[in-house]
Structures are given as structure tokens and as C-alpha cells.
Protein backbone atom coordinates (compact mmCIF):
# COMPACT_ATOMS: atom_id res chain seq x y z
CA MET A 1 246.59 -133.08 137.35
CA THR A 2 243.41 -131.32 136.33
CA SER A 3 243.37 -128.12 134.90
CA LYS A 4 241.20 -125.34 136.22
CA ALA A 5 239.26 -124.92 133.03
CA ALA A 6 238.22 -128.66 133.40
CA LEU A 7 237.34 -128.19 136.80
CA LEU A 8 235.12 -124.97 135.79
CA ALA A 9 233.44 -127.21 132.81
CA PHE A 10 231.56 -129.49 135.21
CA PRO A 11 230.76 -127.78 138.76
CA PRO A 12 230.20 -130.41 141.71
CA SER A 13 226.37 -129.69 141.51
CA TRP A 14 226.60 -131.46 137.90
CA GLY A 15 227.22 -134.67 139.82
CA GLN A 16 224.68 -134.24 142.20
CA ALA A 17 222.00 -133.46 139.49
CA CYS A 18 222.92 -136.57 137.35
CA ILE A 19 222.36 -138.86 140.77
CA SER A 20 218.92 -137.18 141.49
CA LEU A 21 218.10 -137.38 137.78
CA SER A 22 218.87 -141.12 137.88
CA LEU A 23 216.91 -141.68 141.02
CA ILE A 24 213.70 -140.07 139.37
CA GLY A 25 213.99 -142.18 136.24
CA TRP A 26 214.28 -145.29 138.32
CA ARG A 27 211.34 -144.38 140.35
CA VAL A 28 209.41 -143.55 137.05
CA VAL A 29 210.18 -146.93 135.68
CA THR A 30 209.49 -148.96 138.50
CA GLN A 31 206.40 -147.34 140.04
CA PRO A 32 203.25 -146.78 138.47
CA PRO A 33 202.62 -143.04 137.49
CA SER A 34 199.38 -142.74 139.70
CA SER A 35 201.57 -143.48 142.94
CA LEU A 36 204.40 -140.94 142.19
CA TRP A 37 202.83 -138.10 143.74
CA ARG A 38 203.10 -139.86 147.36
CA ASP A 39 206.65 -141.60 146.48
CA TRP A 40 209.24 -140.10 149.14
CA THR A 41 212.31 -141.19 147.11
CA PHE A 42 210.74 -139.29 143.82
CA ILE A 43 209.73 -136.24 145.92
CA VAL A 44 213.08 -135.85 147.73
CA SER A 45 214.97 -136.65 144.48
CA SER A 46 212.99 -133.78 142.64
CA TYR A 47 213.94 -131.42 145.62
CA TRP A 48 217.72 -132.69 145.43
CA LEU A 49 217.61 -131.92 141.62
CA ILE A 50 216.34 -128.17 142.30
CA VAL A 51 218.97 -127.64 144.86
CA ALA A 52 221.68 -129.11 142.53
CA ILE A 53 220.55 -126.83 139.66
CA LYS A 54 219.99 -123.54 141.64
CA PRO A 55 221.92 -123.70 144.98
CA GLY A 56 221.99 -120.22 145.64
CA SER A 57 218.34 -119.35 144.51
CA PRO A 58 216.43 -116.90 146.85
CA PHE A 59 213.33 -119.05 146.37
CA LEU A 60 215.21 -121.96 148.01
CA PRO A 61 213.98 -121.62 151.64
CA ARG A 62 210.23 -121.60 150.24
CA VAL A 63 211.11 -124.73 148.16
CA THR A 64 212.54 -126.39 151.28
CA ALA A 65 209.46 -125.60 153.01
CA THR A 66 207.02 -126.57 150.50
CA ALA A 67 208.94 -129.94 150.09
CA THR A 68 208.88 -130.43 153.89
CA ALA A 69 205.13 -129.84 154.36
CA TYR A 70 204.41 -131.98 151.43
CA LEU A 71 206.20 -134.91 153.08
CA LEU A 72 204.68 -134.26 156.16
CA ALA A 73 201.45 -134.26 154.79
CA ILE A 74 202.05 -137.65 152.97
CA TYR A 75 203.21 -139.02 156.40
CA VAL A 76 200.12 -137.81 158.31
CA THR A 77 197.75 -139.09 155.62
CA GLY A 78 199.42 -142.49 155.04
CA GLN A 79 201.67 -143.88 157.90
CA PHE A 80 200.48 -141.96 160.89
CA PRO A 81 197.28 -143.74 161.47
CA HIS A 82 199.23 -146.99 161.16
CA THR A 83 201.56 -145.68 163.80
CA LEU A 84 198.81 -144.67 166.12
CA ARG A 85 197.25 -148.44 165.67
CA ALA A 86 200.64 -149.97 166.56
CA LEU A 87 201.03 -147.84 169.61
CA ASN A 88 197.31 -148.76 170.64
CA ILE A 89 196.64 -145.07 170.84
CA VAL A 90 193.51 -145.57 168.70
CA GLY A 91 191.16 -148.52 167.95
CA PRO A 92 191.55 -150.98 164.93
């Protein structure tokens, strides 16, 4: 059985921070640095790391809104034109 002191030594967010750091490290190693700014996995893992480190921060709603808007901007500039072409809404 685990003691209460052992549970307090490693809070649950510690494991989440390790997983998100692992994903960030994996993307840094496998992707060129010039493309990380538009890599969804890198951005979501960075957001996950912030949430894991400071789960009760009063700035978390702003961070969430910023991350969501940034991912939407990446989608609109990158994937959205392809979606419109695939649906024959705009010309080739």
C-alpha cells in the first residue's frame, strides 16, 4: 500500500507533464524546426504541458482561448482551402 507522503511527492499532473514533454521532444526530433509553429501535435502538447503545470491558474481561460484560436488559424490557412476544393465549393 502506498503512503500518503508518496502520493504527495508526485501529483497526478506530474505524469501528464512527462507525457506532454515526451510528445514535444518527439516532434522536435522528427520535424524540422521551421514547421513546428504549424504542427498541431506540438501545439496541443505545449498547451497540455501548461495545463499540467498550472491547472488552477487564473490565466488558463486566456491560454485556452489563445491556443484554440491559434489552432483555428492554422486550420483556416492550411486545410480549409483543400476542404473547399474537395467539396467543389471553389474552383481548382
